[in-house]
Amino acid sequence: MSPYGLAPHTEEGRARFVHVSFYWSRGTPKTTELEDPVFSVAIDWIRYNSNCWILYTTTGPEWWYERIRHYMNTSDRVFICEISVSETAGWQEQWIWDWLSKPR
């Protein structure tokens, strides 16, 4: 059971990658407001853009939405989904690829 009263909607204890991206309607992205109080409970996380995080976690997107929504106003938007990193392509800094492929 989460501190928000919701049980994760995924297999208990199964770690997975969850992607979180935001559209901030008012000014500066809320990176510092989210990282310590919200994302720090993930097993591991990385911010690869001012509005994009990948979490390594045992909880699913709905659980994360409940945790995040308290930091948003009604004009902000968030997209959260589980992702697979078994097949990847793109152009990113090496430290991002290293984080994705590190043993866990």
PDB file of N, CA and C in Angstrom:
ATOM      1  N   MET A   1       0.845  -1.175   0.000  1.00  0.00           N
ATOM      2  CA  MET A   1       0.000   0.000   0.000  1.00  0.00           C
ATOM      3  C   MET A   1       0.891   1.238   0.000  1.00  0.00           C
ATOM      4  N   SER A   2       0.554   2.218  -0.818  1.00  0.00           N
ATOM      5  CA  SER A   2       1.348   3.435  -0.897  1.00  0.00           C
ATOM      6  C   SER A   2       0.948   4.413   0.196  1.00  0.00           C
ATOM      7  N   PRO A   3       1.763   5.447   0.408  1.00  0.00           N
ATOM      8  CA  PRO A   3       1.380   6.453   1.403  1.00  0.00           C
ATOM      9  C   PRO A   3       0.147   7.236   0.977  1.00  0.00           C
ATOM     10  N   TYR A   4      -0.284   7.093  -0.265  1.00  0.00           N
ATOM     11  CA  TYR A   4      -1.453   7.790  -0.775  1.00  0.00           C
ATOM     12  C   TYR A   4      -2.685   6.900  -0.774  1.00  0.00           C
ATOM     13  N   GLY A   5      -2.594   5.707  -0.182  1.00  0.00           N
ATOM     14  CA  GLY A   5      -3.737   4.823  -0.072  1.00  0.00           C
ATOM     15  C   GLY A   5      -4.027   4.006  -1.309  1.00  0.00           C
ATOM     16  N   LEU A   6      -3.168   4.051  -2.296  1.00  0.00           N
ATOM     17  CA  LEU A   6      -3.384   3.291  -3.526  1.00  0.00           C
ATOM     18  C   LEU A   6      -2.366   2.175  -3.627  1.00  0.00           C
ATOM     19  N   ALA A   7      -2.824   0.994  -3.912  1.00  0.00           N
ATOM     20  CA  ALA A   7      -1.901  -0.107  -4.180  1.00  0.00           C
ATOM     21  C   ALA A   7      -1.430   0.022  -5.620  1.00  0.00           C
ATOM     22  N   PRO A   8      -0.166  -0.252  -5.900  1.00  0.00           N
ATOM     23  CA  PRO A   8       0.304  -0.221  -7.286  1.00  0.00           C
ATOM     24  C   PRO A   8      -0.507  -1.194  -8.143  1.00  0.00           C
ATOM     25  N   HIS A   9      -0.767  -0.812  -9.380  1.00  0.00           N
ATOM     26  CA  HIS A   9      -1.576  -1.637 -10.282  1.00  0.00           C
ATOM     27  C   HIS A   9      -0.725  -2.555 -11.139  1.00  0.00           C
ATOM     28  N   THR A  10       0.431  -2.897 -10.651  1.00  0.00           N
ATOM     29  CA  THR A  10       1.337  -3.782 -11.371  1.00  0.00           C
ATOM     30  C   THR A  10       1.786  -4.865 -10.416  1.00  0.00           C
ATOM     31  N   GLU A  11       2.492  -5.844 -10.936  1.00  0.00           N
ATOM     32  CA  GLU A  11       2.960  -6.932 -10.088  1.00  0.00           C
ATOM     33  C   GLU A  11       3.771  -6.378  -8.922  1.00  0.00           C
ATOM     34  N   GLU A  12       3.410  -6.781  -7.733  1.00  0.00           N
ATOM     35  CA  GLU A  12       4.106  -6.329  -6.532  1.00  0.00           C
ATOM     36  C   GLU A  12       5.582  -6.697  -6.596  1.00  0.00           C
ATOM     37  N   GLY A  13       6.424  -5.708  -6.410  1.00  0.00           N
ATOM     38  CA  GLY A  13       7.849  -5.957  -6.339  1.00  0.00           C
ATOM     39  C   GLY A  13       8.577  -6.067  -7.668  1.00  0.00           C
ATOM     40  N   ARG A  14       7.870  -6.055  -8.787  1.00  0.00           N
ATOM     41  CA  ARG A  14       8.533  -6.153 -10.093  1.00  0.00           C
ATOM     42  C   ARG A  14       9.054  -4.778 -10.494  1.00  0.00           C
ATOM     43  N   ALA A  15      10.346  -4.636 -10.560  1.00  0.00           N
ATOM     44  CA  ALA A  15      10.938  -3.358 -10.947  1.00  0.00           C
ATOM     45  C   ALA A  15      10.795  -3.162 -12.445  1.00  0.00           C
ATOM     46  N   ARG A  16      10.541  -1.921 -12.827  1.00  0.00           N
ATOM     47  CA  ARG A  16      10.360  -1.555 -14.230  1.00  0.00           C
ATOM     48  C   ARG A  16      10.743  -0.098 -14.431  1.00  0.00           C
ATOM     49  N   PHE A  17      10.858   0.316 -15.679  1.00  0.00           N
ATOM     50  CA  PHE A  17      11.132   1.707 -16.019  1.00  0.00           C
ATOM     51  C   PHE A  17       9.807   2.418 -16.273  1.00  0.00           C
ATOM     52  N   VAL A  18       9.689   3.602 -15.713  1.00  0.00           N
ATOM     53  CA  VAL A  18       8.499   4.432 -15.912  1.00  0.00           C
ATOM     54  C   VAL A  18       8.978   5.796 -16.396  1.00  0.00           C
ATOM     55  N   HIS A  19       8.376   6.269 -17.479  1.00  0.00           N
ATOM     56  CA  HIS A  19       8.721   7.572 -18.044  1.00  0.00           C
ATOM     57  C   HIS A  19       7.718   8.612 -17.559  1.00  0.00           C
ATOM     58  N   VAL A  20       8.225   9.794 -17.183  1.00  0.00           N
ATOM     59  CA  VAL A  20       7.379  10.899 -16.734  1.00  0.00           C
ATOM     60  C   VAL A  20       7.795  12.141 -17.511  1.00  0.00           C
ATOM     61  N   SER A  21       6.836  12.758 -18.199  1.00  0.00           N
ATOM     62  CA  SER A  21       7.139  14.016 -18.894  1.00  0.00           C
ATOM     63  C   SER A  21       6.054  15.038 -18.577  1.00  0.00           C
ATOM     64  N   PHE A  22       6.453  16.290 -18.533  1.00  0.00           N
ATOM     65  CA  PHE A  22       5.567  17.383 -18.143  1.00  0.00           C
ATOM     66  C   PHE A  22       5.492  18.453 -19.207  1.00  0.00           C
ATOM     67  N   TYR A  23       4.392  19.168 -19.200  1.00  0.00           N
ATOM     68  CA  TYR A  23       4.259  20.467 -19.844  1.00  0.00           C
ATOM     69  C   TYR A  23       3.937  21.427 -18.707  1.00  0.00           C
ATOM     70  N   TRP A  24       4.827  22.382 -18.461  1.00  0.00           N
ATOM     71  CA  TRP A  24       4.607  23.363 -17.404  1.00  0.00           C
ATOM     72  C   TRP A  24       3.979  24.597 -18.018  1.00  0.00           C
ATOM     73  N   SER A  25       2.789  24.927 -17.594  1.00  0.00           N
ATOM     74  CA  SER A  25       2.053  26.041 -18.181  1.00  0.00           C
ATOM     75  C   SER A  25       2.552  27.404 -17.718  1.00  0.00           C
ATOM     76  N   ARG A  26       3.217  27.442 -16.587  1.00  0.00           N
ATOM     77  CA  ARG A  26       3.641  28.733 -16.028  1.00  0.00           C
ATOM     78  C   ARG A  26       5.136  28.747 -15.755  1.00  0.00           C
ATOM     79  N   GLY A  27       5.879  29.232 -16.706  1.00  0.00           N
ATOM     80  CA  GLY A  27       7.284  29.517 -16.464  1.00  0.00           C
ATOM     81  C   GLY A  27       8.214  28.338 -16.297  1.00  0.00           C
ATOM     82  N   THR A  28       9.079  28.440 -15.312  1.00  0.00           N
ATOM     83  CA  THR A  28      10.191  27.524 -15.093  1.00  0.00           C
ATOM     84  C   THR A  28       9.730  26.122 -14.720  1.00  0.00           C
ATOM     85  N   PRO A  29      10.358  25.086 -15.298  1.00  0.00           N
ATOM     86  CA  PRO A  29      10.047  23.712 -14.888  1.00  0.00           C
ATOM     87  C   PRO A  29      10.294  23.509 -13.399  1.00  0.00           C
ATOM     88  N   LYS A  30       9.523  22.639 -12.794  1.00  0.00           N
ATOM     89  CA  LYS A  30       9.589  22.392 -11.355  1.00  0.00           C
ATOM     90  C   LYS A  30      10.558  21.250 -11.024  1.00  0.00           C
ATOM     91  N   THR A  31      11.756  21.323 -11.562  1.00  0.00           N
ATOM     92  CA  THR A  31      12.689  20.215 -11.369  1.00  0.00           C
ATOM     93  C   THR A  31      13.057  20.025  -9.908  1.00  0.00           C
ATOM     94  N   THR A  32      13.456  21.063  -9.217  1.00  0.00           N
ATOM     95  CA  THR A  32      13.869  20.901  -7.818  1.00  0.00           C
ATOM     96  C   THR A  32      12.686  20.599  -6.907  1.00  0.00           C
ATOM     97  N   GLU A  33      11.504  21.088  -7.253  1.00  0.00           N
ATOM     98  CA  GLU A  33      10.325  20.814  -6.441  1.00  0.00           C
ATOM     99  C   GLU A  33       9.917  19.341  -6.492  1.00  0.00           C
ATOM    100  N   LEU A  34      10.305  18.644  -7.560  1.00  0.00           N
ATOM    101  CA  LEU A  34       9.900  17.253  -7.743  1.00  0.00           C
ATOM    102  C   LEU A  34      10.966  16.239  -7.343  1.00  0.00           C
ATOM    103  N   GLU A  35      12.200  16.539  -7.588  1.00  0.00           N
ATOM    104  CA  GLU A  35      13.229  15.514  -7.462  1.00  0.00           C
ATOM    105  C   GLU A  35      13.377  14.984  -6.044  1.00  0.00           C
ATOM    106  N   ASP A  36      13.558  15.830  -5.070  1.00  0.00           N
ATOM    107  CA  ASP A  36      13.772  15.320  -3.726  1.00  0.00           C
ATOM    108  C   ASP A  36      12.494  14.770  -3.091  1.00  0.00           C
ATOM    109  N   PRO A  37      11.402  15.524  -3.064  1.00  0.00           N
ATOM    110  CA  PRO A  37      10.222  14.996  -2.372  1.00  0.00           C
ATOM    111  C   PRO A  37       9.454  13.925  -3.135  1.00  0.00           C
ATOM    112  N   VAL A  38       9.551  13.893  -4.449  1.00  0.00           N
ATOM    113  CA  VAL A  38       8.728  12.966  -5.234  1.00  0.00           C
ATOM    114  C   VAL A  38       9.546  11.810  -5.791  1.00  0.00           C
ATOM    115  N   PHE A  39      10.526  12.090  -6.622  1.00  0.00           N
ATOM    116  CA  PHE A  39      11.237  11.038  -7.332  1.00  0.00           C
ATOM    117  C   PHE A  39      12.262  10.309  -6.473  1.00  0.00           C
ATOM    118  N   SER A  40      12.635  10.860  -5.344  1.00  0.00           N
ATOM    119  CA  SER A  40      13.649  10.223  -4.507  1.00  0.00           C
ATOM    120  C   SER A  40      13.192   8.880  -3.934  1.00  0.00           C
ATOM    121  N   VAL A  41      11.898   8.586  -3.959  1.00  0.00           N
ATOM    122  CA  VAL A  41      11.427   7.295  -3.449  1.00  0.00           C
ATOM    123  C   VAL A  41      11.553   6.176  -4.478  1.00  0.00           C
ATOM    124  N   ALA A  42      11.874   6.510  -5.710  1.00  0.00           N
ATOM    125  CA  ALA A  42      12.127   5.475  -6.723  1.00  0.00           C
ATOM    126  C   ALA A  42      13.424   4.757  -6.381  1.00  0.00           C
ATOM    127  N   ILE A  43      13.577   3.549  -6.880  1.00  0.00           N
ATOM    128  CA  ILE A  43      14.834   2.823  -6.698  1.00  0.00           C
ATOM    129  C   ILE A  43      15.978   3.628  -7.302  1.00  0.00           C
ATOM    130  N   ASP A  44      15.731   4.187  -8.466  1.00  0.00           N
ATOM    131  CA  ASP A  44      16.714   5.004  -9.176  1.00  0.00           C
ATOM    132  C   ASP A  44      15.944   5.894 -10.135  1.00  0.00           C
ATOM    133  N   TRP A  45      16.508   7.013 -10.513  1.00  0.00           N
ATOM    134  CA  TRP A  45      15.866   7.895 -11.489  1.00  0.00           C
ATOM    135  C   TRP A  45      16.917   8.728 -12.195  1.00  0.00           C
ATOM    136  N   ILE A  46      16.514   9.238 -13.356  1.00  0.00           N
ATOM    137  CA  ILE A  46      17.381  10.109 -14.136  1.00  0.00           C
ATOM    138  C   ILE A  46      16.498  11.191 -14.769  1.00  0.00           C
ATOM    139  N   ARG A  47      16.996  12.421 -14.787  1.00  0.00           N
ATOM    140  CA  ARG A  47      16.333  13.496 -15.533  1.00  0.00           C
ATOM    141  C   ARG A  47      17.202  13.760 -16.746  1.00  0.00           C
ATOM    142  N   TYR A  48      16.653  13.551 -17.937  1.00  0.00           N
ATOM    143  CA  TYR A  48      17.449  13.747 -19.141  1.00  0.00           C
ATOM    144  C   TYR A  48      17.050  14.991 -19.912  1.00  0.00           C
ATOM    145  N   ASN A  49      16.074  15.715 -19.395  1.00  0.00           N
ATOM    146  CA  ASN A  49      15.651  16.983 -19.972  1.00  0.00           C
ATOM    147  C   ASN A  49      14.963  17.753 -18.851  1.00  0.00           C
ATOM    148  N   SER A  50      14.712  19.021 -19.040  1.00  0.00           N
ATOM    149  CA  SER A  50      14.110  19.807 -17.965  1.00  0.00           C
ATOM    150  C   SER A  50      12.696  19.358 -17.614  1.00  0.00           C
ATOM    151  N   ASN A  51      12.064  18.598 -18.489  1.00  0.00           N
ATOM    152  CA  ASN A  51      10.697  18.145 -18.232  1.00  0.00           C
ATOM    153  C   ASN A  51      10.518  16.633 -18.361  1.00  0.00           C
ATOM    154  N   CYS A  52      11.611  15.860 -18.410  1.00  0.00           N
ATOM    155  CA  CYS A  52      11.512  14.417 -18.634  1.00  0.00           C
ATOM    156  C   CYS A  52      12.384  13.626 -17.664  1.00  0.00           C
ATOM    157  N   TRP A  53      11.760  12.626 -17.038  1.00  0.00           N
ATOM    158  CA  TRP A  53      12.442  11.728 -16.117  1.00  0.00           C
ATOM    159  C   TRP A  53      12.168  10.287 -16.527  1.00  0.00           C
ATOM    160  N   ILE A  54      13.118   9.409 -16.232  1.00  0.00           N
ATOM    161  CA  ILE A  54      12.890   7.971 -16.293  1.00  0.00           C
ATOM    162  C   ILE A  54      13.164   7.456 -14.888  1.00  0.00           C
ATOM    163  N   LEU A  55      12.210   6.720 -14.351  1.00  0.00           N
ATOM    164  CA  LEU A  55      12.323   6.164 -13.013  1.00  0.00           C
ATOM    165  C   LEU A  55      12.519   4.667 -13.114  1.00  0.00           C
ATOM    166  N   TYR A  56      13.283   4.109 -12.215  1.00  0.00           N
ATOM    167  CA  TYR A  56      13.355   2.664 -12.054  1.00  0.00           C
ATOM    168  C   TYR A  56      12.658   2.392 -10.735  1.00  0.00           C
ATOM    169  N   THR A  57      11.533   1.680 -10.786  1.00  0.00           N
ATOM    170  CA  THR A  57      10.626   1.627  -9.650  1.00  0.00           C
ATOM    171  C   THR A  57       9.839   0.320  -9.614  1.00  0.00           C
ATOM    172  N   THR A  58       9.282   0.023  -8.468  1.00  0.00           N
ATOM    173  CA  THR A  58       8.400  -1.137  -8.341  1.00  0.00           C
ATOM    174  C   THR A  58       6.928  -0.726  -8.353  1.00  0.00           C
ATOM    175  N   THR A  59       6.659   0.549  -8.569  1.00  0.00           N
ATOM    176  CA  THR A  59       5.276   1.031  -8.612  1.00  0.00           C
ATOM    177  C   THR A  59       4.944   1.538 -10.012  1.00  0.00           C
ATOM    178  N   GLY A  60       3.658   1.517 -10.352  1.00  0.00           N
ATOM    179  CA  GLY A  60       3.220   1.837 -11.700  1.00  0.00           C
ATOM    180  C   GLY A  60       2.839   3.289 -11.927  1.00  0.00           C
ATOM    181  N   PRO A  61       2.466   3.621 -13.172  1.00  0.00           N
ATOM    182  CA  PRO A  61       2.127   4.989 -13.541  1.00  0.00           C
ATOM    183  C   PRO A  61       1.014   5.632 -12.704  1.00  0.00           C
ATOM    184  N   GLU A  62      -0.025   4.898 -12.376  1.00  0.00           N
ATOM    185  CA  GLU A  62      -1.114   5.493 -11.589  1.00  0.00           C
ATOM    186  C   GLU A  62      -0.635   5.909 -10.207  1.00  0.00           C
ATOM    187  N   TRP A  63       0.204   5.081  -9.594  1.00  0.00           N
ATOM    188  CA  TRP A  63       0.764   5.429  -8.289  1.00  0.00           C
ATOM    189  C   TRP A  63       1.585   6.699  -8.397  1.00  0.00           C
ATOM    190  N   TRP A  64       2.405   6.823  -9.441  1.00  0.00           N
ATOM    191  CA  TRP A  64       3.233   8.011  -9.625  1.00  0.00           C
ATOM    192  C   TRP A  64       2.380   9.247  -9.907  1.00  0.00           C
ATOM    193  N   TYR A  65       1.325   9.079 -10.660  1.00  0.00           N
ATOM    194  CA  TYR A  65       0.444  10.230 -10.912  1.00  0.00           C
ATOM    195  C   TYR A  65      -0.127  10.768  -9.600  1.00  0.00           C
ATOM    196  N   GLU A  66      -0.582   9.898  -8.731  1.00  0.00           N
ATOM    197  CA  GLU A  66      -1.124  10.339  -7.444  1.00  0.00           C
ATOM    198  C   GLU A  66      -0.068  11.084  -6.637  1.00  0.00           C
ATOM    199  N   ARG A  67       1.150  10.666  -6.734  1.00  0.00           N
ATOM    200  CA  ARG A  67       2.243  11.309  -6.008  1.00  0.00           C
ATOM    201  C   ARG A  67       2.586  12.676  -6.603  1.00  0.00           C
ATOM    202  N   ILE A  68       2.537  12.790  -7.925  1.00  0.00           N
ATOM    203  CA  ILE A  68       2.955  13.991  -8.635  1.00  0.00           C
ATOM    204  C   ILE A  68       1.868  15.070  -8.686  1.00  0.00           C
ATOM    205  N   ARG A  69       0.630  14.684  -8.787  1.00  0.00           N
ATOM    206  CA  ARG A  69      -0.446  15.643  -9.077  1.00  0.00           C
ATOM    207  C   ARG A  69      -0.559  16.781  -8.072  1.00  0.00           C
ATOM    208  N   HIS A  70      -0.085  16.576  -6.860  1.00  0.00           N
ATOM    209  CA  HIS A  70      -0.138  17.610  -5.832  1.00  0.00           C
ATOM    210  C   HIS A  70       0.831  18.761  -6.110  1.00  0.00           C
ATOM    211  N   TYR A  71       1.753  18.557  -7.044  1.00  0.00           N
ATOM    212  CA  TYR A  71       2.730  19.586  -7.407  1.00  0.00           C
ATOM    213  C   TYR A  71       2.351  20.316  -8.687  1.00  0.00           C
ATOM    214  N   MET A  72       1.197  20.018  -9.222  1.00  0.00           N
ATOM    215  CA  MET A  72       0.765  20.586 -10.491  1.00  0.00           C
ATOM    216  C   MET A  72      -0.381  21.566 -10.284  1.00  0.00           C
ATOM    217  N   ASN A  73      -0.500  22.522 -11.217  1.00  0.00           N
ATOM    218  CA  ASN A  73      -1.705  23.348 -11.225  1.00  0.00           C
ATOM    219  C   ASN A  73      -2.609  22.851 -12.344  1.00  0.00           C
ATOM    220  N   THR A  74      -3.789  23.395 -12.455  1.00  0.00           N
ATOM    221  CA  THR A  74      -4.775  22.865 -13.407  1.00  0.00           C
ATOM    222  C   THR A  74      -4.382  23.060 -14.865  1.00  0.00           C
ATOM    223  N   SER A  75      -3.402  23.901 -15.149  1.00  0.00           N
ATOM    224  CA  SER A  75      -2.959  24.117 -16.532  1.00  0.00           C
ATOM    225  C   SER A  75      -1.761  23.253 -16.909  1.00  0.00           C
ATOM    226  N   ASP A  76      -1.103  22.639 -15.929  1.00  0.00           N
ATOM    227  CA  ASP A  76       0.037  21.758 -16.214  1.00  0.00           C
ATOM    228  C   ASP A  76      -0.463  20.446 -16.796  1.00  0.00           C
ATOM    229  N   ARG A  77       0.411  19.752 -17.481  1.00  0.00           N
ATOM    230  CA  ARG A  77       0.097  18.438 -18.043  1.00  0.00           C
ATOM    231  C   ARG A  77       1.226  17.472 -17.718  1.00  0.00           C
ATOM    232  N   VAL A  78       0.866  16.195 -17.550  1.00  0.00           N
ATOM    233  CA  VAL A  78       1.861  15.170 -17.274  1.00  0.00           C
ATOM    234  C   VAL A  78       1.479  13.910 -18.042  1.00  0.00           C
ATOM    235  N   PHE A  79       2.475  13.208 -18.543  1.00  0.00           N
ATOM    236  CA  PHE A  79       2.287  11.922 -19.212  1.00  0.00           C
ATOM    237  C   PHE A  79       3.200  10.930 -18.526  1.00  0.00           C
ATOM    238  N   ILE A  80       2.629   9.810 -18.067  1.00  0.00           N
ATOM    239  CA  ILE A  80       3.386   8.790 -17.337  1.00  0.00           C
ATOM    240  C   ILE A  80       3.073   7.433 -17.951  1.00  0.00           C
ATOM    241  N   CYS A  81       4.105   6.678 -18.268  1.00  0.00           N
ATOM    242  CA  CYS A  81       3.877   5.349 -18.833  1.00  0.00           C
ATOM    243  C   CYS A  81       5.056   4.440 -18.507  1.00  0.00           C
ATOM    244  N   GLU A  82       4.776   3.141 -18.452  1.00  0.00           N
ATOM    245  CA  GLU A  82       5.845   2.166 -18.321  1.00  0.00           C
ATOM    246  C   GLU A  82       6.532   2.044 -19.668  1.00  0.00           C
ATOM    247  N   ILE A  83       7.849   1.905 -19.658  1.00  0.00           N
ATOM    248  CA  ILE A  83       8.590   1.757 -20.912  1.00  0.00           C
ATOM    249  C   ILE A  83       9.506   0.545 -20.838  1.00  0.00           C
ATOM    250  N   SER A  84       9.822   0.024 -21.999  1.00  0.00           N
ATOM    251  CA  SER A  84      10.802  -1.039 -22.115  1.00  0.00           C
ATOM    252  C   SER A  84      12.069  -0.427 -22.693  1.00  0.00           C
ATOM    253  N   VAL A  85      13.199  -0.748 -22.112  1.00  0.00           N
ATOM    254  CA  VAL A  85      14.466  -0.248 -22.646  1.00  0.00           C
ATOM    255  C   VAL A  85      15.281  -1.371 -23.271  1.00  0.00           C
ATOM    256  N   SER A  86      14.612  -2.476 -23.591  1.00  0.00           N
ATOM    257  CA  SER A  86      15.327  -3.590 -24.218  1.00  0.00           C
ATOM    258  C   SER A  86      15.724  -3.272 -25.656  1.00  0.00           C
ATOM    259  N   GLU A  87      14.969  -2.416 -26.319  1.00  0.00           N
ATOM    260  CA  GLU A  87      15.322  -1.950 -27.657  1.00  0.00           C
ATOM    261  C   GLU A  87      15.240  -0.438 -27.643  1.00  0.00           C
ATOM    262  N   THR A  88      16.361   0.223 -27.892  1.00  0.00           N
ATOM    263  CA  THR A  88      16.400   1.680 -27.856  1.00  0.00           C
ATOM    264  C   THR A  88      17.131   2.213 -29.075  1.00  0.00           C
ATOM    265  N   ALA A  89      16.834   3.439 -29.411  1.00  0.00           N
ATOM    266  CA  ALA A  89      17.531   4.146 -30.481  1.00  0.00           C
ATOM    267  C   ALA A  89      17.393   5.632 -30.186  1.00  0.00           C
ATOM    268  N   GLY A  90      18.309   6.409 -30.680  1.00  0.00           N
ATOM    269  CA  GLY A  90      18.216   7.841 -30.498  1.00  0.00           C
ATOM    270  C   GLY A  90      19.572   8.485 -30.335  1.00  0.00           C
ATOM    271  N   TRP A  91      19.544   9.767 -30.066  1.00  0.00           N
ATOM    272  CA  TRP A  91      20.745  10.561 -29.920  1.00  0.00           C
ATOM    273  C   TRP A  91      20.690  11.220 -28.552  1.00  0.00           C
ATOM    274  N   GLN A  92      21.432  10.672 -27.598  1.00  0.00           N
ATOM    275  CA  GLN A  92      21.491  11.192 -26.238  1.00  0.00           C
ATOM    276  C   GLN A  92      22.941  11.219 -25.778  1.00  0.00           C
ATOM    277  N   GLU A  93      23.159  11.911 -24.682  1.00  0.00           N
ATOM    278  CA  GLU A  93      24.485  11.924 -24.071  1.00  0.00           C
ATOM    279  C   GLU A  93      24.826  10.506 -23.600  1.00  0.00           C
ATOM    280  N   GLN A  94      26.104  10.166 -23.576  1.00  0.00           N
ATOM    281  CA  GLN A  94      26.532   8.821 -23.192  1.00  0.00           C
ATOM    282  C   GLN A  94      26.095   8.452 -21.775  1.00  0.00           C
ATOM    283  N   TRP A  95      26.084   9.419 -20.845  1.00  0.00           N
ATOM    284  CA  TRP A  95      25.715   9.116 -19.460  1.00  0.00           C
ATOM    285  C   TRP A  95      24.280   8.627 -19.352  1.00  0.00           C
ATOM    286  N   ILE A  96      23.417   9.016 -20.271  1.00  0.00           N
ATOM    287  CA  ILE A  96      22.028   8.544 -20.276  1.00  0.00           C
ATOM    288  C   ILE A  96      21.981   7.082 -20.706  1.00  0.00           C
ATOM    289  N   TRP A  97      22.699   6.735 -21.784  1.00  0.00           N
ATOM    290  CA  TRP A  97      22.752   5.337 -22.227  1.00  0.00           C
ATOM    291  C   TRP A  97      23.375   4.456 -21.142  1.00  0.00           C
ATOM    292  N   ASP A  98      24.396   4.972 -20.473  1.00  0.00           N
ATOM    293  CA  ASP A  98      25.041   4.217 -19.396  1.00  0.00           C
ATOM    294  C   ASP A  98      24.060   3.952 -18.258  1.00  0.00           C
ATOM    295  N   TRP A  99      23.263   4.972 -17.894  1.00  0.00           N
ATOM    296  CA  TRP A  99      22.296   4.798 -16.810  1.00  0.00           C
ATOM    297  C   TRP A  99      21.258   3.750 -17.184  1.00  0.00           C
ATOM    298  N   LEU A 100      20.764   3.797 -18.406  1.00  0.00           N
ATOM    299  CA  LEU A 100      19.744   2.844 -18.858  1.00  0.00           C
ATOM    300  C   LEU A 100      20.250   1.402 -18.859  1.00  0.00           C
ATOM    301  N   SER A 101      21.527   1.229 -19.176  1.00  0.00           N
ATOM    302  CA  SER A 101      22.037  -0.134 -19.329  1.00  0.00           C
ATOM    303  C   SER A 101      22.768  -0.665 -18.099  1.00  0.00           C
ATOM    304  N   LYS A 102      22.871   0.112 -17.038  1.00  0.00           N
ATOM    305  CA  LYS A 102      23.617  -0.369 -15.875  1.00  0.00           C
ATOM    306  C   LYS A 102      22.882  -1.537 -15.216  1.00  0.00           C
ATOM    307  N   PRO A 103      23.634  -2.470 -14.661  1.00  0.00           N
ATOM    308  CA  PRO A 103      23.007  -3.627 -13.999  1.00  0.00           C
ATOM    309  C   PRO A 103      22.187  -3.202 -12.773  1.00  0.00           C
ATOM    310  N   ARG A 104      21.046  -3.826 -12.623  1.00  0.00           N
ATOM    311  CA  ARG A 104      20.180  -3.535 -11.476  1.00  0.00           C
ATOM    312  C   ARG A 104      19.726  -4.829 -10.872  1.00  0.00           C
TER     313      ARG A 104
END
